[in-house]
All heavy atoms as atom14 arrays in JSON, in Angstrom:
{
  "sequence": "NPTFILNNSDYNGSILVAGDNFGCGSSREHAAW",
  "atom14_mask": [
    [1, 1, 1, 1, 1, 1, 1, 1, 0, 0, 0, 0, 0, 0],
    [1, 1, 1, 1, 1, 1, 1, 0, 0, 0, 0, 0, 0, 0],
    [1, 1, 1, 1, 1, 1, 1, 0, 0, 0, 0, 0, 0, 0],
    [1, 1, 1, 1, 1, 1, 1, 1, 1, 1, 1, 0, 0, 0],
    [1, 1, 1, 1, 1, 1, 1, 1, 0, 0, 0, 0, 0, 0],
    [1, 1, 1, 1, 1, 1, 1, 1, 0, 0, 0, 0, 0, 0],
    [1, 1, 1, 1, 1, 1, 1, 1, 0, 0, 0, 0, 0, 0],
    [1, 1, 1, 1, 1, 1, 1, 1, 0, 0, 0, 0, 0, 0],
    [1, 1, 1, 1, 1, 1, 0, 0, 0, 0, 0, 0, 0, 0],
    [1, 1, 1, 1, 1, 1, 1, 1, 0, 0, 0, 0, 0, 0],
    [1, 1, 1, 1, 1, 1, 1, 1, 1, 1, 1, 1, 0, 0],
    [1, 1, 1, 1, 1, 1, 1, 1, 0, 0, 0, 0, 0, 0],
    [1, 1, 1, 1, 0, 0, 0, 0, 0, 0, 0, 0, 0, 0],
    [1, 1, 1, 1, 1, 1, 0, 0, 0, 0, 0, 0, 0, 0],
    [1, 1, 1, 1, 1, 1, 1, 1, 0, 0, 0, 0, 0, 0],
    [1, 1, 1, 1, 1, 1, 1, 1, 0, 0, 0, 0, 0, 0],
    [1, 1, 1, 1, 1, 1, 1, 0, 0, 0, 0, 0, 0, 0],
    [1, 1, 1, 1, 1, 0, 0, 0, 0, 0, 0, 0, 0, 0],
    [1, 1, 1, 1, 0, 0, 0, 0, 0, 0, 0, 0, 0, 0],
    [1, 1, 1, 1, 1, 1, 1, 1, 0, 0, 0, 0, 0, 0],
    [1, 1, 1, 1, 1, 1, 1, 1, 0, 0, 0, 0, 0, 0],
    [1, 1, 1, 1, 1, 1, 1, 1, 1, 1, 1, 0, 0, 0],
    [1, 1, 1, 1, 0, 0, 0, 0, 0, 0, 0, 0, 0, 0],
    [1, 1, 1, 1, 1, 1, 0, 0, 0, 0, 0, 0, 0, 0],
    [1, 1, 1, 1, 0, 0, 0, 0, 0, 0, 0, 0, 0, 0],
    [1, 1, 1, 1, 1, 1, 0, 0, 0, 0, 0, 0, 0, 0],
    [1, 1, 1, 1, 1, 1, 0, 0, 0, 0, 0, 0, 0, 0],
    [1, 1, 1, 1, 1, 1, 1, 1, 1, 1, 1, 0, 0, 0],
    [1, 1, 1, 1, 1, 1, 1, 1, 1, 0, 0, 0, 0, 0],
    [1, 1, 1, 1, 1, 1, 1, 1, 1, 1, 0, 0, 0, 0],
    [1, 1, 1, 1, 1, 0, 0, 0, 0, 0, 0, 0, 0, 0],
    [1, 1, 1, 1, 1, 0, 0, 0, 0, 0, 0, 0, 0, 0],
    [1, 1, 1, 1, 1, 1, 1, 1, 1, 1, 1, 1, 1, 1]
  ],
  "atom14_positions": [
    [[0.87, -1.17, 0.0], [0.0, 0.0, 0.0], [0.91, 1.23, 0.0], [1.55, 1.52, 1.01], [-0.89, -0.01, 1.24], [-1.7, 1.26, 1.4], [-1.61, 2.18, 0.58], [-2.47, 1.33, 2.46], [0.0, 0.0, 0.0], [0.0, 0.0, 0.0], [0.0, 0.0, 0.0], [0.0, 0.0, 0.0], [0.0, 0.0, 0.0], [0.0, 0.0, 0.0]],
    [[1.0, 1.95, -1.11], [1.96, 3.06, -1.2], [1.63, 4.23, -0.29], [2.48, 5.07, -0.03], [1.87, 3.48, -2.68], [0.53, 3.02, -3.13], [0.22, 1.78, -2.34], [0.0, 0.0, 0.0], [0.0, 0.0, 0.0], [0.0, 0.0, 0.0], [0.0, 0.0, 0.0], [0.0, 0.0, 0.0], [0.0, 0.0, 0.0], [0.0, 0.0, 0.0]],
    [[0.41, 4.29, 0.24], [0.03, 5.42, 1.1], [0.38, 5.18, 2.57], [0.29, 6.1, 3.37], [-1.47, 5.72, 0.98], [-2.22, 4.62, 1.48], [-1.86, 6.01, -0.46], [0.0, 0.0, 0.0], [0.0, 0.0, 0.0], [0.0, 0.0, 0.0], [0.0, 0.0, 0.0], [0.0, 0.0, 0.0], [0.0, 0.0, 0.0], [0.0, 0.0, 0.0]],
    [[0.76, 3.95, 2.94], [1.06, 3.68, 4.34], [2.49, 4.09, 4.66], [3.42, 3.81, 3.91], [0.82, 2.21, 4.69], [0.97, 1.93, 6.15], [0.15, 2.57, 7.08], [1.92, 1.04, 6.61], [0.29, 2.33, 8.44], [2.06, 0.79, 7.97], [1.24, 1.44, 8.89], [0.0, 0.0, 0.0], [0.0, 0.0, 0.0], [0.0, 0.0, 0.0]],
    [[2.68, 4.72, 5.8], [3.95, 5.35, 6.15], [5.14, 4.38, 6.17], [6.24, 4.76, 5.79], [3.83, 6.11, 7.51], [5.0, 7.05, 7.7], [3.68, 5.15, 8.67], [5.02, 8.22, 6.77], [0.0, 0.0, 0.0], [0.0, 0.0, 0.0], [0.0, 0.0, 0.0], [0.0, 0.0, 0.0], [0.0, 0.0, 0.0], [0.0, 0.0, 0.0]],
    [[4.95, 3.12, 6.56], [6.07, 2.18, 6.58], [6.54, 1.83, 5.17], [7.64, 1.31, 5.0], [5.72, 0.9, 7.34], [6.12, 0.89, 8.82], [5.36, 1.93, 9.61], [5.94, -0.48, 9.43], [0.0, 0.0, 0.0], [0.0, 0.0, 0.0], [0.0, 0.0, 0.0], [0.0, 0.0, 0.0], [0.0, 0.0, 0.0], [0.0, 0.0, 0.0]],
    [[5.73, 2.12, 4.18], [6.11, 1.88, 2.78], [6.66, 3.13, 2.11], [6.96, 3.11, 0.92], [4.92, 1.34, 1.99], [4.47, -0.01, 2.5], [5.28, -0.78, 3.01], [3.19, -0.31, 2.38], [0.0, 0.0, 0.0], [0.0, 0.0, 0.0], [0.0, 0.0, 0.0], [0.0, 0.0, 0.0], [0.0, 0.0, 0.0], [0.0, 0.0, 0.0]],
    [[6.8, 4.21, 2.86], [7.34, 5.46, 2.33], [8.85, 5.44, 2.55], [9.32, 5.52, 3.69], [6.7, 6.65, 3.04], [7.15, 7.99, 2.5], [8.23, 8.1, 1.93], [6.33, 8.99, 2.7], [0.0, 0.0, 0.0], [0.0, 0.0, 0.0], [0.0, 0.0, 0.0], [0.0, 0.0, 0.0], [0.0, 0.0, 0.0], [0.0, 0.0, 0.0]],
    [[9.61, 5.34, 1.49], [11.07, 5.2, 1.6], [11.76, 6.44, 2.18], [12.93, 6.4, 2.54], [11.68, 4.86, 0.24], [11.4, 5.89, -0.69], [0.0, 0.0, 0.0], [0.0, 0.0, 0.0], [0.0, 0.0, 0.0], [0.0, 0.0, 0.0], [0.0, 0.0, 0.0], [0.0, 0.0, 0.0], [0.0, 0.0, 0.0], [0.0, 0.0, 0.0]],
    [[11.03, 7.55, 2.27], [11.61, 8.75, 2.9], [11.82, 8.56, 4.4], [12.64, 9.22, 5.01], [10.7, 9.97, 2.7], [10.65, 10.42, 1.25], [11.57, 10.05, 0.48], [9.7, 11.13, 0.89], [0.0, 0.0, 0.0], [0.0, 0.0, 0.0], [0.0, 0.0, 0.0], [0.0, 0.0, 0.0], [0.0, 0.0, 0.0], [0.0, 0.0, 0.0]],
    [[11.02, 7.64, 5.0], [11.08, 7.42, 6.45], [11.67, 6.06, 6.77], [11.31, 5.07, 6.16], [9.68, 7.53, 7.06], [9.1, 8.91, 6.96], [8.21, 9.24, 5.95], [9.45, 9.89, 7.89], [7.68, 10.53, 5.86], [8.93, 11.17, 7.8], [8.06, 11.49, 6.79], [7.53, 12.75, 6.7], [0.0, 0.0, 0.0], [0.0, 0.0, 0.0]],
    [[12.53, 6.05, 7.75], [13.07, 4.79, 8.29], [13.62, 5.06, 9.67], [13.63, 6.19, 10.14], [14.12, 4.19, 7.35], [15.28, 5.13, 7.12], [16.0, 5.48, 8.06], [15.47, 5.57, 5.88], [0.0, 0.0, 0.0], [0.0, 0.0, 0.0], [0.0, 0.0, 0.0], [0.0, 0.0, 0.0], [0.0, 0.0, 0.0], [0.0, 0.0, 0.0]],
    [[14.07, 4.03, 10.32], [14.63, 4.18, 11.66], [14.05, 3.16, 12.61], [13.14, 2.41, 12.28], [0.0, 0.0, 0.0], [0.0, 0.0, 0.0], [0.0, 0.0, 0.0], [0.0, 0.0, 0.0], [0.0, 0.0, 0.0], [0.0, 0.0, 0.0], [0.0, 0.0, 0.0], [0.0, 0.0, 0.0], [0.0, 0.0, 0.0], [0.0, 0.0, 0.0]],
    [[14.58, 3.15, 13.83], [14.15, 2.17, 14.82], [13.25, 2.78, 15.9], [13.05, 2.18, 16.94], [15.37, 1.5, 15.45], [16.26, 2.46, 15.97], [0.0, 0.0, 0.0], [0.0, 0.0, 0.0], [0.0, 0.0, 0.0], [0.0, 0.0, 0.0], [0.0, 0.0, 0.0], [0.0, 0.0, 0.0], [0.0, 0.0, 0.0], [0.0, 0.0, 0.0]],
    [[12.72, 3.97, 15.61], [11.78, 4.63, 16.53], [10.47, 4.87, 15.78], [10.46, 5.42, 14.69], [12.34, 5.97, 17.05], [13.66, 5.76, 17.8], [11.31, 6.66, 17.94], [14.35, 7.04, 18.22], [0.0, 0.0, 0.0], [0.0, 0.0, 0.0], [0.0, 0.0, 0.0], [0.0, 0.0, 0.0], [0.0, 0.0, 0.0], [0.0, 0.0, 0.0]],
    [[9.37, 4.43, 16.39], [8.04, 4.68, 15.85], [7.37, 5.75, 16.71], [7.26, 5.58, 17.93], [7.2, 3.41, 15.86], [5.77, 3.53, 15.33], [5.77, 3.82, 13.82], [4.96, 2.27, 15.61], [0.0, 0.0, 0.0], [0.0, 0.0, 0.0], [0.0, 0.0, 0.0], [0.0, 0.0, 0.0], [0.0, 0.0, 0.0], [0.0, 0.0, 0.0]],
    [[7.0, 6.85, 16.11], [6.28, 7.92, 16.8], [4.81, 7.78, 16.41], [4.45, 8.01, 15.27], [6.84, 9.32, 16.45], [6.04, 10.4, 17.15], [8.31, 9.4, 16.82], [0.0, 0.0, 0.0], [0.0, 0.0, 0.0], [0.0, 0.0, 0.0], [0.0, 0.0, 0.0], [0.0, 0.0, 0.0], [0.0, 0.0, 0.0], [0.0, 0.0, 0.0]],
    [[4.0, 7.35, 17.38], [2.61, 7.01, 17.1], [1.65, 7.98, 17.78], [2.04, 8.74, 18.66], [2.33, 5.59, 17.59], [0.0, 0.0, 0.0], [0.0, 0.0, 0.0], [0.0, 0.0, 0.0], [0.0, 0.0, 0.0], [0.0, 0.0, 0.0], [0.0, 0.0, 0.0], [0.0, 0.0, 0.0], [0.0, 0.0, 0.0], [0.0, 0.0, 0.0]],
    [[0.39, 7.91, 17.36], [-0.64, 8.73, 17.97], [-0.99, 8.27, 19.38], [-0.42, 7.31, 19.9], [0.0, 0.0, 0.0], [0.0, 0.0, 0.0], [0.0, 0.0, 0.0], [0.0, 0.0, 0.0], [0.0, 0.0, 0.0], [0.0, 0.0, 0.0], [0.0, 0.0, 0.0], [0.0, 0.0, 0.0], [0.0, 0.0, 0.0], [0.0, 0.0, 0.0]],
    [[-1.95, 8.93, 19.97], [-2.38, 8.65, 21.34], [-2.99, 7.26, 21.46], [-3.57, 6.74, 20.51], [-3.4, 9.72, 21.76], [-3.81, 9.58, 23.21], [-2.92, 9.6, 24.08], [-5.02, 9.44, 23.47], [0.0, 0.0, 0.0], [0.0, 0.0, 0.0], [0.0, 0.0, 0.0], [0.0, 0.0, 0.0], [0.0, 0.0, 0.0], [0.0, 0.0, 0.0]],
    [[-2.88, 6.66, 22.64], [-3.51, 5.38, 22.99], [-3.02, 4.23, 22.12], [-3.79, 3.48, 21.53], [-5.04, 5.5, 22.92], [-5.73, 4.35, 23.6], [-5.2, 3.73, 24.51], [-6.94, 4.06, 23.16], [0.0, 0.0, 0.0], [0.0, 0.0, 0.0], [0.0, 0.0, 0.0], [0.0, 0.0, 0.0], [0.0, 0.0, 0.0], [0.0, 0.0, 0.0]],
    [[-1.71, 4.07, 22.07], [-1.11, 3.01, 21.26], [-1.14, 1.68, 22.02], [-0.86, 1.63, 23.2], [0.34, 3.37, 20.93], [0.98, 2.45, 19.94], [0.8, 2.65, 18.57], [1.74, 1.37, 20.35], [1.38, 1.8, 17.64], [2.33, 0.52, 19.43], [2.15, 0.73, 18.08], [0.0, 0.0, 0.0], [0.0, 0.0, 0.0], [0.0, 0.0, 0.0]],
    [[-1.48, 0.62, 21.31], [-1.47, -0.73, 21.88], [-2.72, -1.09, 22.65], [-2.71, -2.02, 23.46], [0.0, 0.0, 0.0], [0.0, 0.0, 0.0], [0.0, 0.0, 0.0], [0.0, 0.0, 0.0], [0.0, 0.0, 0.0], [0.0, 0.0, 0.0], [0.0, 0.0, 0.0], [0.0, 0.0, 0.0], [0.0, 0.0, 0.0], [0.0, 0.0, 0.0]],
    [[-3.82, -0.41, 22.37], [-5.08, -0.73, 23.05], [-5.64, -2.03, 22.46], [-5.07, -2.62, 21.56], [-6.07, 0.42, 22.9], [-6.42, 0.92, 21.2], [0.0, 0.0, 0.0], [0.0, 0.0, 0.0], [0.0, 0.0, 0.0], [0.0, 0.0, 0.0], [0.0, 0.0, 0.0], [0.0, 0.0, 0.0], [0.0, 0.0, 0.0], [0.0, 0.0, 0.0]],
    [[-6.77, -2.47, 22.98], [-7.4, -3.67, 22.46], [-6.98, -4.91, 23.24], [-6.6, -4.83, 24.41], [0.0, 0.0, 0.0], [0.0, 0.0, 0.0], [0.0, 0.0, 0.0], [0.0, 0.0, 0.0], [0.0, 0.0, 0.0], [0.0, 0.0, 0.0], [0.0, 0.0, 0.0], [0.0, 0.0, 0.0], [0.0, 0.0, 0.0], [0.0, 0.0, 0.0]],
    [[-7.03, -6.05, 22.57], [-6.76, -7.31, 23.25], [-5.3, -7.4, 23.7], [-4.42, -6.79, 23.12], [-7.11, -8.48, 22.33], [-6.33, -8.44, 21.17], [0.0, 0.0, 0.0], [0.0, 0.0, 0.0], [0.0, 0.0, 0.0], [0.0, 0.0, 0.0], [0.0, 0.0, 0.0], [0.0, 0.0, 0.0], [0.0, 0.0, 0.0], [0.0, 0.0, 0.0]],
    [[-5.09, -8.19, 24.73], [-3.74, -8.3, 25.31], [-2.97, -9.41, 24.62], [-3.1, -10.57, 24.97], [-3.85, -8.59, 26.81], [-4.59, -9.76, 27.04], [0.0, 0.0, 0.0], [0.0, 0.0, 0.0], [0.0, 0.0, 0.0], [0.0, 0.0, 0.0], [0.0, 0.0, 0.0], [0.0, 0.0, 0.0], [0.0, 0.0, 0.0], [0.0, 0.0, 0.0]],
    [[-2.18, -9.05, 23.63], [-1.39, -10.05, 22.93], [0.07, -9.64, 22.9], [0.42, -8.59, 22.39], [-1.93, -10.31, 21.53], [-2.03, -9.09, 20.65], [-2.57, -9.44, 19.28], [-3.97, -9.81, 19.36], [-4.82, -9.7, 18.36], [-4.43, -9.25, 17.21], [-6.07, -10.06, 18.5], [0.0, 0.0, 0.0], [0.0, 0.0, 0.0], [0.0, 0.0, 0.0]],
    [[0.9, -10.49, 23.45], [2.33, -10.23, 23.46], [2.89, -10.22, 22.04], [3.92, -9.6, 21.77], [3.04, -11.29, 24.31], [4.49, -10.98, 24.58], [5.12, -11.94, 25.56], [4.58, -13.05, 25.76], [6.18, -11.58, 26.1], [0.0, 0.0, 0.0], [0.0, 0.0, 0.0], [0.0, 0.0, 0.0], [0.0, 0.0, 0.0], [0.0, 0.0, 0.0]],
    [[2.19, -10.86, 21.14], [2.63, -10.92, 19.74], [2.78, -9.53, 19.13], [3.57, -9.33, 18.21], [1.62, -11.72, 18.91], [1.38, -13.1, 19.43], [0.6, -13.33, 20.54], [1.81, -14.32, 19.0], [0.56, -14.65, 20.76], [1.29, -15.26, 19.85], [0.0, 0.0, 0.0], [0.0, 0.0, 0.0], [0.0, 0.0, 0.0], [0.0, 0.0, 0.0]],
    [[2.03, -8.54, 19.63], [2.15, -7.17, 19.11], [3.55, -6.63, 19.37], [4.18, -6.04, 18.48], [1.1, -6.26, 19.73], [0.0, 0.0, 0.0], [0.0, 0.0, 0.0], [0.0, 0.0, 0.0], [0.0, 0.0, 0.0], [0.0, 0.0, 0.0], [0.0, 0.0, 0.0], [0.0, 0.0, 0.0], [0.0, 0.0, 0.0], [0.0, 0.0, 0.0]],
    [[4.06, -6.85, 20.57], [5.43, -6.44, 20.88], [6.43, -7.24, 20.05], [7.41, -6.69, 19.53], [5.71, -6.61, 22.37], [0.0, 0.0, 0.0], [0.0, 0.0, 0.0], [0.0, 0.0, 0.0], [0.0, 0.0, 0.0], [0.0, 0.0, 0.0], [0.0, 0.0, 0.0], [0.0, 0.0, 0.0], [0.0, 0.0, 0.0], [0.0, 0.0, 0.0]],
    [[6.2, -8.54, 19.89], [7.08, -9.37, 19.07], [7.17, -8.83, 17.65], [8.24, -8.79, 17.05], [6.57, -10.81, 19.0], [6.59, -11.6, 20.26], [7.03, -11.2, 21.5], [6.13, -12.93, 20.41], [6.86, -12.2, 22.4], [6.32, -13.28, 21.77], [5.58, -13.86, 19.55], [5.98, -14.54, 22.28], [5.24, -15.12, 20.05], [5.44, -15.45, 21.4]]
  ]
}
């Protein structure tokens, strides 16, 4: 999907700056993995 930020070659790095309330929903350790 060319519109999604992880597919934008202008951006890279090992830090994700996300919006408010990140990681909500079901409790799955797989998200961290």
